[in-house]
Amino acid sequence: MFDLLIRHANLPDGQTDVALAIKNGRISAVAPDQALASVPSLETLDAEHQLLSPPFVDAHFHLDSALRFGQPRVNQSGTLREGIALWGALKPTLTQADVEQTATQYCHWALANGILAIRSHVDISDPELVAVQALLNVRSAFKPWLDLQLVAFPQDGLLRRAGAQDNLIRALDMGVDVIGGIPHFERTAQDGTLSIEWLCRLAAERGLMVDMHCDETDDPMSRHIETLTTNTVRFGLQGRVTGSHLTSMHSMDNDYAAKLIQLMAEANMRVVANPLINITLQGRHDTYPKRRGMTRVRELTEAGLTVAFGQDCVMDPWYNFGSGDMLEVAHMGLHVGQLTSQAQTTQCFEAVTTQAACVLGLEASVLVPGARADLVLLQAKDASEAIRLRATRLAVIRAGRCIARTPPKVAELSLGSQTVSVNWRL
């Protein structure tokens, strides 16, 4: 007797009319529908030939600042510089209860949108570590439903702000999962290099992963990813280090970039681009030609690197938009990266599902027997249609239990005596 049988599903790999049997929170069987049609189960879900996918994973987010739009005032310019100033003014006023309340609200949004894992950076510049304690509490509260991975992030700079090193170590001692950094925001390039070395050494000593905001700038000479790659190898951190943003790569000399990508592949680096943010907050200092973008996603992917997409921000002092929808992120990434071949479209979908899970070091998020039954049923026939429509999440399943349902998106037109149903699908 299975706990749940999902019938008539399409899978991201192109299989159609498939059934999945689930027991004890794990996938027990995947087979053509007719092969499992008669097996007994406590519950049956008819997918109606819609896409059954691994869950969405947000590989780069800031949960402590999310949903702070308009606090203490609206970012009138929509720029990073004004957002930094607003966050600096807001931080001292936030209480642990404030951060827990907004983080909880956002986690509800995420779950409803089929996001079952988030890597969130948390600002450790505050000596009281208010946000750290708040998000540790949220992580614990949502553990049955959401994998929340926290990064100790010295947002004001590791060496630029006195006490940041001690704060970061204290955050790790409290239970924060990953070591973060922001070398391009240090006072000098040399300090950026020193911060990377210090952080990578700490990661090696503690056996932790690293996820660094790196080269989040238009400056083609912002090349801290080169230093991060070198230290990844030096400290034996291959496969445990992520470079987030890497926005300057879109402005680098092609010969240098080709060499750099080869070095990154040798270090088994992970890369996270954040399309919504990278094409708006950056690229403010150029006229034409515009050099704003989200790093060299195509080239990095072709070199065999794991490349994921993240949201970075949702309605915070930096970014006034966002909805917690990873398909919105994939849709923007596909367009700005000109990733429109069939294979690239699939890669964009994987960048917010399986590849993002790989960045977080999570259990393989694939639909095979033995895998945890974390699933999302989408109102689409395949991954391409899901991205095009930002498809409705009909059902969100965590460890074999349905935790969210949304009615299908359908419009009814009344055209004289004729009634027409519209679902925006061919």
Protein backbone atom coordinates (compact mmCIF):
# COMPACT_ATOMS: atom_id res chain seq x y z
CA MET A 1 0.00 0.00 0.00
CA PHE A 2 1.46 3.32 -1.11
CA ASP A 3 0.77 6.61 0.64
CA LEU A 4 0.30 8.62 -2.56
CA LEU A 5 -0.01 7.70 -6.23
CA ILE A 6 0.40 10.47 -8.79
CA ARG A 7 -0.97 9.47 -12.20
CA HIS A 8 -0.82 10.82 -15.76
CA ALA A 9 2.16 13.12 -15.16
CA ASN A 10 4.63 14.66 -17.59
CA LEU A 11 8.23 14.85 -16.35
CA PRO A 12 10.91 17.48 -17.14
CA ASP A 13 13.03 14.90 -19.02
CA GLY A 14 10.30 14.52 -21.65
CA GLN A 15 8.56 11.40 -20.34
CA THR A 16 4.77 11.59 -20.61
CA ASP A 17 1.87 9.76 -18.97
CA VAL A 18 4.01 8.64 -16.04
CA ALA A 19 2.95 7.49 -12.58
CA LEU A 20 4.89 8.02 -9.34
CA ALA A 21 4.25 5.96 -6.25
CA ILE A 22 5.26 7.43 -2.88
CA LYS A 23 5.68 5.76 0.51
CA ASN A 24 7.17 7.05 3.76
CA GLY A 25 8.08 10.35 2.18
CA ARG A 26 10.14 8.79 -0.63
CA ILE A 27 9.52 7.94 -4.26
CA SER A 28 9.05 4.17 -4.45
CA ALA A 29 8.40 3.71 -8.15
CA VAL A 30 8.37 5.67 -11.41
CA ALA A 31 6.81 3.90 -14.39
CA PRO A 32 4.42 4.31 -17.32
CA ASP A 33 1.01 5.05 -15.93
CA GLN A 34 -0.56 1.75 -16.90
CA ALA A 35 2.10 -0.19 -15.02
CA LEU A 36 1.03 1.39 -11.72
CA ALA A 37 -2.63 2.06 -12.45
CA SER A 38 -3.93 -0.72 -10.24
CA VAL A 39 -1.56 -0.46 -7.27
CA PRO A 40 -3.37 0.38 -4.02
CA SER A 41 -2.69 3.75 -2.40
CA LEU A 42 -4.18 5.83 0.38
CA GLU A 43 -4.46 8.84 -1.92
CA THR A 44 -4.40 9.35 -5.67
CA LEU A 45 -3.61 12.59 -7.49
CA ASP A 46 -4.42 12.88 -11.19
CA ALA A 47 -1.84 15.18 -12.79
CA GLU A 48 -3.94 15.37 -15.96
CA HIS A 49 -0.84 15.32 -18.20
CA GLN A 50 0.69 18.37 -16.54
CA LEU A 51 4.31 18.85 -15.54
CA LEU A 52 5.49 17.18 -12.34
CA SER A 53 8.78 18.75 -11.37
CA PRO A 54 11.41 18.71 -8.64
CA PRO A 55 10.84 21.62 -6.27
CA PHE A 56 12.13 25.10 -6.86
CA VAL A 57 15.26 26.15 -5.01
CA ASP A 58 16.34 29.75 -4.47
CA ALA A 59 20.14 29.65 -4.48
CA HIS A 60 20.65 33.28 -3.41
CA PHE A 61 18.36 35.34 -1.22
CA HIS A 62 18.35 37.89 1.62
CA LEU A 63 15.58 36.89 3.97
CA ASP A 64 16.43 39.41 6.69
CA SER A 65 15.73 42.38 4.39
CA ALA A 66 12.85 40.90 2.34
CA LEU A 67 9.40 42.54 2.41
CA ARG A 68 10.82 45.79 3.79
CA PHE A 69 9.61 47.88 0.87
CA GLY A 70 8.97 51.46 1.93
CA GLN A 71 10.93 51.17 5.20
CA PRO A 72 12.02 53.72 6.31
CA ARG A 73 10.97 55.19 2.97
CA VAL A 74 10.61 54.15 -0.66
CA ASN A 75 13.79 53.86 -2.72
CA GLN A 76 13.01 56.70 -5.12
CA SER A 77 15.93 56.15 -7.50
CA GLY A 78 15.70 52.37 -7.61
CA THR A 79 19.49 52.16 -7.29
CA LEU A 80 21.80 50.00 -5.22
CA ARG A 81 23.44 53.02 -3.62
CA GLU A 82 20.17 54.39 -2.23
CA GLY A 83 19.15 50.87 -1.14
CA ILE A 84 22.35 50.46 0.86
CA ALA A 85 21.68 53.77 2.60
CA LEU A 86 18.10 52.74 3.41
CA TRP A 87 19.18 49.38 4.79
CA GLY A 88 21.82 51.10 6.91
CA ALA A 89 19.14 53.36 8.40
CA LEU A 90 16.66 50.52 8.90
CA LYS A 91 18.92 47.89 10.52
CA PRO A 92 19.32 49.58 13.93
CA THR A 93 15.54 49.80 14.34
CA LEU A 94 14.75 46.14 13.66
CA THR A 95 13.92 43.77 16.48
CA GLN A 96 14.15 40.01 16.45
CA ALA A 97 10.36 39.85 16.35
CA ASP A 98 10.30 42.18 13.31
CA VAL A 99 12.67 39.98 11.34
CA GLU A 100 10.89 36.77 12.33
CA GLN A 101 7.52 38.20 11.29
CA THR A 102 8.54 39.25 7.78
CA ALA A 103 10.70 36.14 7.27
CA THR A 104 7.76 33.94 8.24
CA GLN A 105 5.50 35.78 5.83
CA TYR A 106 7.99 35.33 3.01
CA CYS A 107 8.44 31.61 3.79
CA HIS A 108 4.69 31.22 3.33
CA TRP A 109 5.00 32.90 -0.08
CA ALA A 110 7.89 30.63 -0.99
CA LEU A 111 6.12 27.40 -0.06
CA ALA A 112 3.00 28.40 -1.98
CA ASN A 113 5.25 29.01 -5.00
CA GLY A 114 6.85 25.58 -4.74
CA ILE A 115 10.16 26.76 -3.27
CA LEU A 116 11.25 24.07 -0.82
CA ALA A 117 14.84 25.24 -0.27
CA ILE A 118 16.39 28.68 0.15
CA ARG A 119 19.97 29.80 0.71
CA SER A 120 19.63 33.11 2.53
CA HIS A 121 22.46 35.45 3.35
CA VAL A 122 22.06 37.13 6.73
CA ASP A 123 23.82 40.39 7.62
CA ILE A 124 26.22 39.87 10.53
CA SER A 125 27.34 43.53 10.71
CA ASP A 126 25.09 44.11 13.73
CA PRO A 127 27.09 43.23 16.89
CA GLU A 128 23.89 41.99 18.56
CA LEU A 129 23.28 39.58 15.66
CA VAL A 130 19.55 40.23 15.89
CA ALA A 131 18.83 39.00 12.35
CA VAL A 132 20.98 35.91 12.83
CA GLN A 133 19.04 34.77 15.88
CA ALA A 134 15.73 35.58 14.19
CA LEU A 135 16.50 33.53 11.08
CA LEU A 136 17.85 30.63 13.13
CA ASN A 137 14.46 30.57 14.85
CA VAL A 138 12.65 30.70 11.49
CA ARG A 139 14.86 27.91 10.14
CA SER A 140 13.89 25.74 13.09
CA ALA A 141 10.18 26.57 12.83
CA PHE A 142 10.02 25.73 9.10
CA LYS A 143 12.32 22.71 9.15
CA PRO A 144 9.54 20.17 8.38
CA TRP A 145 8.64 21.99 5.16
CA LEU A 146 11.58 24.12 4.03
CA ASP A 147 15.35 23.63 3.80
CA LEU A 148 16.61 27.04 4.91
CA GLN A 149 20.36 27.41 4.62
CA LEU A 150 21.93 30.51 6.21
CA VAL A 151 25.08 32.32 5.08
CA ALA A 152 27.05 34.54 7.47
CA PHE A 153 27.30 37.66 5.34
CA PRO A 154 29.47 40.66 6.37
CA GLN A 155 27.41 43.09 4.30
CA ASP A 156 29.42 46.14 5.38
CA GLY A 157 32.69 44.38 4.57
CA LEU A 158 34.78 41.90 6.54
CA LEU A 159 37.76 44.23 6.95
CA ARG A 160 35.94 47.50 6.34
CA ARG A 161 33.79 47.28 9.47
CA ALA A 162 35.43 46.78 12.88
CA GLY A 163 34.29 43.64 14.65
CA ALA A 164 32.98 41.92 11.51
CA GLN A 165 35.38 38.98 11.83
CA ASP A 166 34.34 38.33 15.42
CA ASN A 167 30.67 38.72 14.48
CA LEU A 168 31.04 36.20 11.67
CA ILE A 169 32.68 33.63 13.91
CA ARG A 170 29.98 34.11 16.55
CA ALA A 171 27.29 33.62 13.90
CA LEU A 172 28.88 30.34 12.82
CA ASP A 173 29.08 29.23 16.46
CA MET A 174 25.34 29.95 16.78
CA GLY A 175 24.63 27.54 13.92
CA VAL A 176 24.83 29.50 10.66
CA ASP A 177 25.62 27.06 7.85
CA VAL A 178 27.82 28.79 5.25
CA ILE A 179 30.62 31.39 5.18
CA GLY A 180 29.96 34.51 3.12
CA GLY A 181 31.94 37.54 2.00
CA ILE A 182 31.89 40.62 -0.22
CA PRO A 183 35.47 41.31 -1.40
CA HIS A 184 34.56 43.98 -3.98
CA PHE A 185 33.05 46.11 -1.17
CA GLU A 186 36.22 46.21 0.90
CA ARG A 187 38.13 49.51 0.88
CA THR A 188 40.83 48.27 -1.49
CA ALA A 189 41.35 45.41 -3.89
CA GLN A 190 44.13 44.22 -1.59
CA ASP A 191 41.72 44.09 1.36
CA GLY A 192 39.31 42.15 -0.84
CA THR A 193 42.06 39.59 -1.48
CA LEU A 194 42.90 39.39 2.22
CA SER A 195 39.23 38.86 3.11
CA ILE A 196 38.94 35.95 0.66
CA GLU A 197 42.04 34.27 2.07
CA TRP A 198 40.81 34.67 5.65
CA LEU A 199 37.34 33.35 4.87
CA CYS A 200 38.55 30.35 2.83
CA ARG A 201 41.01 29.39 5.56
CA LEU A 202 38.17 29.53 8.09
CA ALA A 203 35.99 27.37 5.84
CA ALA A 204 38.75 24.78 5.53
CA GLU A 205 39.26 24.73 9.30
CA ARG A 206 35.54 24.29 9.99
CA GLY A 207 34.64 22.07 7.05
CA LEU A 208 32.05 24.54 5.78
CA MET A 209 30.86 25.74 2.39
CA VAL A 210 31.57 29.24 1.08
CA ASP A 211 29.22 31.53 -0.85
CA MET A 212 30.71 34.91 -1.67
CA HIS A 213 29.17 38.00 -3.23
CA CYS A 214 31.85 38.48 -5.83
CA ASP A 215 32.49 41.17 -8.45
CA GLU A 216 28.96 42.56 -8.22
CA THR A 217 30.03 45.54 -10.27
CA ASP A 218 30.44 46.89 -13.80
CA ASP A 219 34.21 47.20 -13.37
CA PRO A 220 35.98 44.75 -15.73
CA MET A 221 39.00 44.93 -13.40
CA SER A 222 36.95 43.61 -10.49
CA ARG A 223 38.48 40.15 -10.57
CA HIS A 224 38.07 38.72 -7.11
CA ILE A 225 36.62 35.53 -8.58
CA GLU A 226 40.17 34.75 -9.75
CA THR A 227 41.39 35.00 -6.13
CA LEU A 228 38.42 33.00 -4.86
CA THR A 229 39.13 30.27 -7.42
CA THR A 230 42.82 30.16 -6.43
CA ASN A 231 42.01 29.87 -2.74
CA THR A 232 39.40 27.22 -3.42
CA VAL A 233 42.17 25.01 -4.76
CA ARG A 234 44.75 26.13 -2.19
CA PHE A 235 42.55 25.18 0.76
CA GLY A 236 41.06 22.05 -0.82
CA LEU A 237 37.53 23.46 -1.06
CA GLN A 238 36.68 22.16 -4.55
CA GLY A 239 32.93 21.71 -4.95
CA ARG A 240 32.18 23.66 -1.75
CA VAL A 241 32.57 27.24 -3.02
CA THR A 242 30.04 29.44 -4.79
CA GLY A 243 30.67 32.74 -6.52
CA SER A 244 27.46 34.79 -6.52
CA HIS A 245 26.70 37.51 -9.06
CA LEU A 246 30.08 37.70 -10.94
CA THR A 247 28.55 40.60 -12.83
CA SER A 248 31.88 42.08 -13.93
CA MET A 249 32.47 39.03 -16.14
CA HIS A 250 30.15 40.50 -18.75
CA SER A 251 32.66 43.34 -19.25
CA MET A 252 35.91 41.37 -19.18
CA ASP A 253 38.23 40.83 -22.09
CA ASN A 254 37.22 37.59 -23.80
CA ASP A 255 40.70 36.08 -23.67
CA TYR A 256 40.97 36.68 -19.95
CA ALA A 257 37.45 35.38 -19.36
CA ALA A 258 38.23 32.18 -21.26
CA LYS A 259 41.27 31.55 -19.04
CA LEU A 260 39.27 32.38 -15.93
CA ILE A 261 36.43 30.02 -16.79
CA GLN A 262 38.92 27.19 -17.27
CA LEU A 263 40.37 27.88 -13.81
CA MET A 264 36.87 27.96 -12.32
CA ALA A 265 36.07 24.60 -13.89
CA GLU A 266 39.26 23.10 -12.42
CA ALA A 267 38.19 24.36 -8.98
CA ASN A 268 34.68 22.91 -9.46
CA MET A 269 33.20 26.29 -8.61
CA ARG A 270 29.48 26.85 -8.32
CA VAL A 271 28.00 30.02 -9.81
CA VAL A 272 24.78 31.84 -8.97
CA ALA A 273 23.43 34.60 -11.18
CA ASN A 274 20.49 36.73 -10.09
CA PRO A 275 18.85 37.96 -13.30
CA LEU A 276 16.24 40.33 -11.87
CA ILE A 277 18.80 42.20 -9.78
CA ASN A 278 21.91 41.89 -11.92
CA ILE A 279 20.35 43.64 -14.92
CA THR A 280 18.92 46.50 -12.89
CA LEU A 281 21.06 47.33 -9.88
CA GLN A 282 24.26 46.99 -11.87
CA GLY A 283 24.99 48.71 -15.17
CA ARG A 284 24.27 52.18 -13.81
CA HIS A 285 27.58 53.83 -14.68
CA ASP A 286 27.71 53.10 -18.39
CA THR A 287 26.05 54.93 -21.25
CA TYR A 288 26.30 52.92 -24.46
CA PRO A 289 27.07 50.18 -25.21
CA LYS A 290 25.27 48.87 -22.16
CA ARG A 291 27.23 46.28 -20.23
CA ARG A 292 24.64 45.19 -17.75
CA GLY A 293 23.94 41.55 -17.46
CA MET A 294 24.14 38.50 -15.25
CA THR A 295 27.59 37.03 -15.96
CA ARG A 296 28.50 34.57 -18.73
CA VAL A 297 25.88 31.91 -18.04
CA ARG A 298 26.17 30.16 -21.41
CA GLU A 299 29.96 29.95 -21.38
CA LEU A 300 30.11 28.83 -17.76
CA THR A 301 27.52 26.13 -18.37
CA GLU A 302 29.31 24.91 -21.50
CA ALA A 303 32.50 24.60 -19.43
CA GLY A 304 30.71 22.15 -17.14
CA LEU A 305 30.18 24.43 -14.14
CA THR A 306 27.07 24.22 -12.01
CA VAL A 307 25.14 27.45 -12.68
CA ALA A 308 22.00 28.38 -10.77
CA PHE A 309 19.69 31.39 -10.57
CA GLY A 310 18.53 33.18 -7.46
CA GLN A 311 16.09 35.96 -6.62
CA ASP A 312 18.40 37.93 -4.32
CA CYS A 313 15.67 40.37 -3.30
CA VAL A 314 11.90 40.59 -2.99
CA MET A 315 10.40 43.96 -2.09
CA ASP A 316 13.31 45.21 -0.01
CA PRO A 317 15.25 48.51 0.19
CA TRP A 318 17.14 47.61 -3.01
CA TYR A 319 14.43 46.14 -5.20
CA ASN A 320 10.81 47.22 -5.16
CA PHE A 321 9.53 44.23 -7.12
CA GLY A 322 9.50 40.44 -6.86
CA SER A 323 6.90 37.88 -5.88
CA GLY A 324 8.80 34.81 -4.70
CA ASP A 325 8.34 33.13 -8.09
CA MET A 326 11.43 31.28 -9.35
CA LEU A 327 9.85 30.93 -12.80
CA GLU A 328 9.90 34.74 -13.02
CA VAL A 329 13.64 34.49 -12.41
CA ALA A 330 14.12 31.75 -15.03
CA HIS A 331 12.02 33.75 -17.52
CA MET A 332 14.20 36.85 -17.10
CA GLY A 333 17.41 34.81 -17.18
CA LEU A 334 16.39 33.12 -20.41
CA HIS A 335 15.74 36.45 -22.12
CA VAL A 336 18.64 38.56 -20.93
CA GLY A 337 21.08 35.68 -21.41
CA GLN A 338 19.67 34.89 -24.86
CA LEU A 339 19.28 31.30 -23.72
CA THR A 340 16.48 30.37 -26.07
CA SER A 341 17.53 27.07 -27.65
CA GLN A 342 15.59 24.05 -26.48
CA ALA A 343 18.57 22.78 -24.48
CA GLN A 344 19.21 26.21 -22.95
CA THR A 345 15.56 26.61 -22.00
CA THR A 346 15.81 23.32 -20.13
CA GLN A 347 19.00 24.57 -18.46
CA CYS A 348 17.19 27.70 -17.27
CA PHE A 349 14.52 25.52 -15.69
CA GLU A 350 17.21 23.38 -14.06
CA ALA A 351 18.92 26.57 -12.82
CA VAL A 352 15.97 27.11 -10.47
CA THR A 353 15.46 23.43 -9.59
CA THR A 354 18.12 20.69 -9.78
CA GLN A 355 21.20 22.87 -10.37
CA ALA A 356 20.21 25.20 -7.55
CA ALA A 357 19.82 22.20 -5.25
CA CYS A 358 23.35 21.15 -6.21
CA VAL A 359 24.69 24.59 -5.22
CA LEU A 360 23.19 24.14 -1.76
CA GLY A 361 24.67 20.65 -1.48
CA LEU A 362 21.23 19.14 -0.96
CA GLU A 363 20.13 15.61 -1.62
CA ALA A 364 19.79 15.08 -5.36
CA SER A 365 16.48 16.63 -6.37
CA VAL A 366 15.49 14.14 -9.06
CA LEU A 367 12.39 12.10 -9.71
CA VAL A 368 13.77 8.59 -9.28
CA PRO A 369 13.05 5.78 -6.81
CA GLY A 370 14.63 6.44 -3.45
CA ALA A 371 14.61 10.23 -3.73
CA ARG A 372 12.68 12.30 -1.22
CA ALA A 373 9.20 12.99 -2.56
CA ASP A 374 9.52 16.77 -2.87
CA LEU A 375 7.49 17.72 -5.93
CA VAL A 376 5.65 20.53 -7.65
CA LEU A 377 2.74 20.00 -10.06
CA LEU A 378 2.66 22.83 -12.59
CA GLN A 379 -0.09 23.96 -14.96
CA ALA A 380 2.06 23.34 -18.02
CA LYS A 381 2.90 20.46 -20.33
CA ASP A 382 6.70 20.91 -20.12
CA ALA A 383 9.48 23.11 -18.74
CA SER A 384 9.39 25.55 -21.65
CA GLU A 385 5.69 26.20 -21.21
CA ALA A 386 6.14 26.48 -17.46
CA ILE A 387 8.68 29.29 -17.95
CA ARG A 388 6.60 31.02 -20.63
CA LEU A 389 3.47 31.10 -18.50
CA ARG A 390 5.11 31.32 -15.07
CA ALA A 391 2.85 28.33 -14.53
CA THR A 392 0.43 28.03 -11.62
CA ARG A 393 1.59 25.66 -8.88
CA LEU A 394 -1.36 23.31 -8.75
CA ALA A 395 0.14 21.27 -5.91
CA VAL A 396 3.27 21.46 -3.78
CA ILE A 397 4.36 18.20 -2.15
CA ARG A 398 6.90 17.91 0.68
CA ALA A 399 8.10 14.42 1.63
CA GLY A 400 4.99 12.91 0.09
CA ARG A 401 2.46 15.26 1.72
CA CYS A 402 0.63 17.98 -0.17
CA ILE A 403 1.29 21.27 1.66
CA ALA A 404 -0.12 23.75 -0.87
CA ARG A 405 -2.77 23.81 -3.59
CA THR A 406 -3.69 26.55 -6.07
CA PRO A 407 -6.67 26.47 -8.47
CA PRO A 408 -5.79 26.40 -12.18
CA LYS A 409 -5.53 29.76 -13.92
CA VAL A 410 -8.43 29.89 -16.38
CA ALA A 411 -10.37 32.83 -17.75
CA GLU A 412 -13.96 32.68 -19.01
CA LEU A 413 -14.92 35.04 -21.84
CA SER A 414 -18.56 35.92 -22.49
CA LEU A 415 -18.74 36.97 -26.13
CA GLY A 416 -22.40 37.49 -26.87
CA SER A 417 -23.98 34.02 -26.89
CA GLN A 418 -20.55 32.36 -26.92
CA THR A 419 -18.54 31.39 -23.84
CA VAL A 420 -14.82 30.80 -24.35
CA SER A 421 -12.39 29.30 -21.86
CA VAL A 422 -8.82 30.68 -22.01
CA ASN A 423 -5.75 29.09 -20.40
CA TRP A 424 -3.02 30.64 -22.64
CA ARG A 425 -1.85 27.22 -23.88
CA LEU A 426 -1.66 25.81 -27.39
